[in-house]
Amino acid sequence: MFFLFPERCWFSDVPGCYFAGDTLEEAWQDAKSAIEIHFAK
């Protein structure tokens, strides 16, 4: 699950994993990158 607000977006079950984008498509792409990077650590 993730939350969308005008100023920020995040995955509620993954602390510290945030994403953003000027469009929904950009936000979706950034979300996929953010989750991949978060779990690659």
Protein backbone atom coordinates (compact mmCIF):
# COMPACT_ATOMS: atom_id res chain seq x y z
CA MET A 1 0.00 0.00 0.00
CA PHE A 2 1.18 3.52 -0.66
CA PHE A 3 -0.16 6.94 0.16
CA LEU A 4 -0.47 9.84 -2.30
CA PHE A 5 -0.61 13.43 -1.12
CA PRO A 6 0.10 16.56 -3.20
CA GLU A 7 3.43 17.18 -1.48
CA ARG A 8 4.71 13.63 -0.85
CA CYS A 9 4.15 9.93 -1.45
CA TRP A 10 5.41 6.91 0.45
CA PHE A 11 5.04 3.21 1.05
CA SER A 12 3.47 2.78 4.49
CA ASP A 13 5.06 -0.64 5.06
CA VAL A 14 8.59 0.46 4.06
CA PRO A 15 9.87 3.17 6.43
CA GLY A 16 12.03 5.77 4.71
CA CYS A 17 10.97 4.82 1.17
CA TYR A 18 9.62 7.93 -0.57
CA PHE A 19 8.91 8.77 -4.20
CA ALA A 20 7.65 11.66 -6.33
CA GLY A 21 6.85 12.72 -9.89
CA ASP A 22 5.24 15.51 -11.87
CA THR A 23 2.75 13.01 -13.34
CA LEU A 24 1.26 9.78 -12.06
CA GLU A 25 3.41 7.86 -14.57
CA GLU A 26 6.61 9.57 -13.34
CA ALA A 27 5.61 8.89 -9.72
CA TRP A 28 4.98 5.21 -10.56
CA GLN A 29 8.41 4.89 -12.23
CA ASP A 30 10.09 6.63 -9.28
CA ALA A 31 8.19 4.38 -6.85
CA LYS A 32 9.50 1.26 -8.60
CA SER A 33 13.05 2.63 -8.51
CA ALA A 34 12.74 3.65 -4.85
CA ILE A 35 11.55 0.22 -3.72
CA GLU A 36 14.26 -1.56 -5.75
CA ILE A 37 16.99 0.66 -4.30
CA HIS A 38 15.60 0.34 -0.78
CA PHE A 39 15.74 -3.46 -0.82
CA ALA A 40 19.08 -3.61 -2.65
CA LYS A 41 20.80 -2.11 0.42
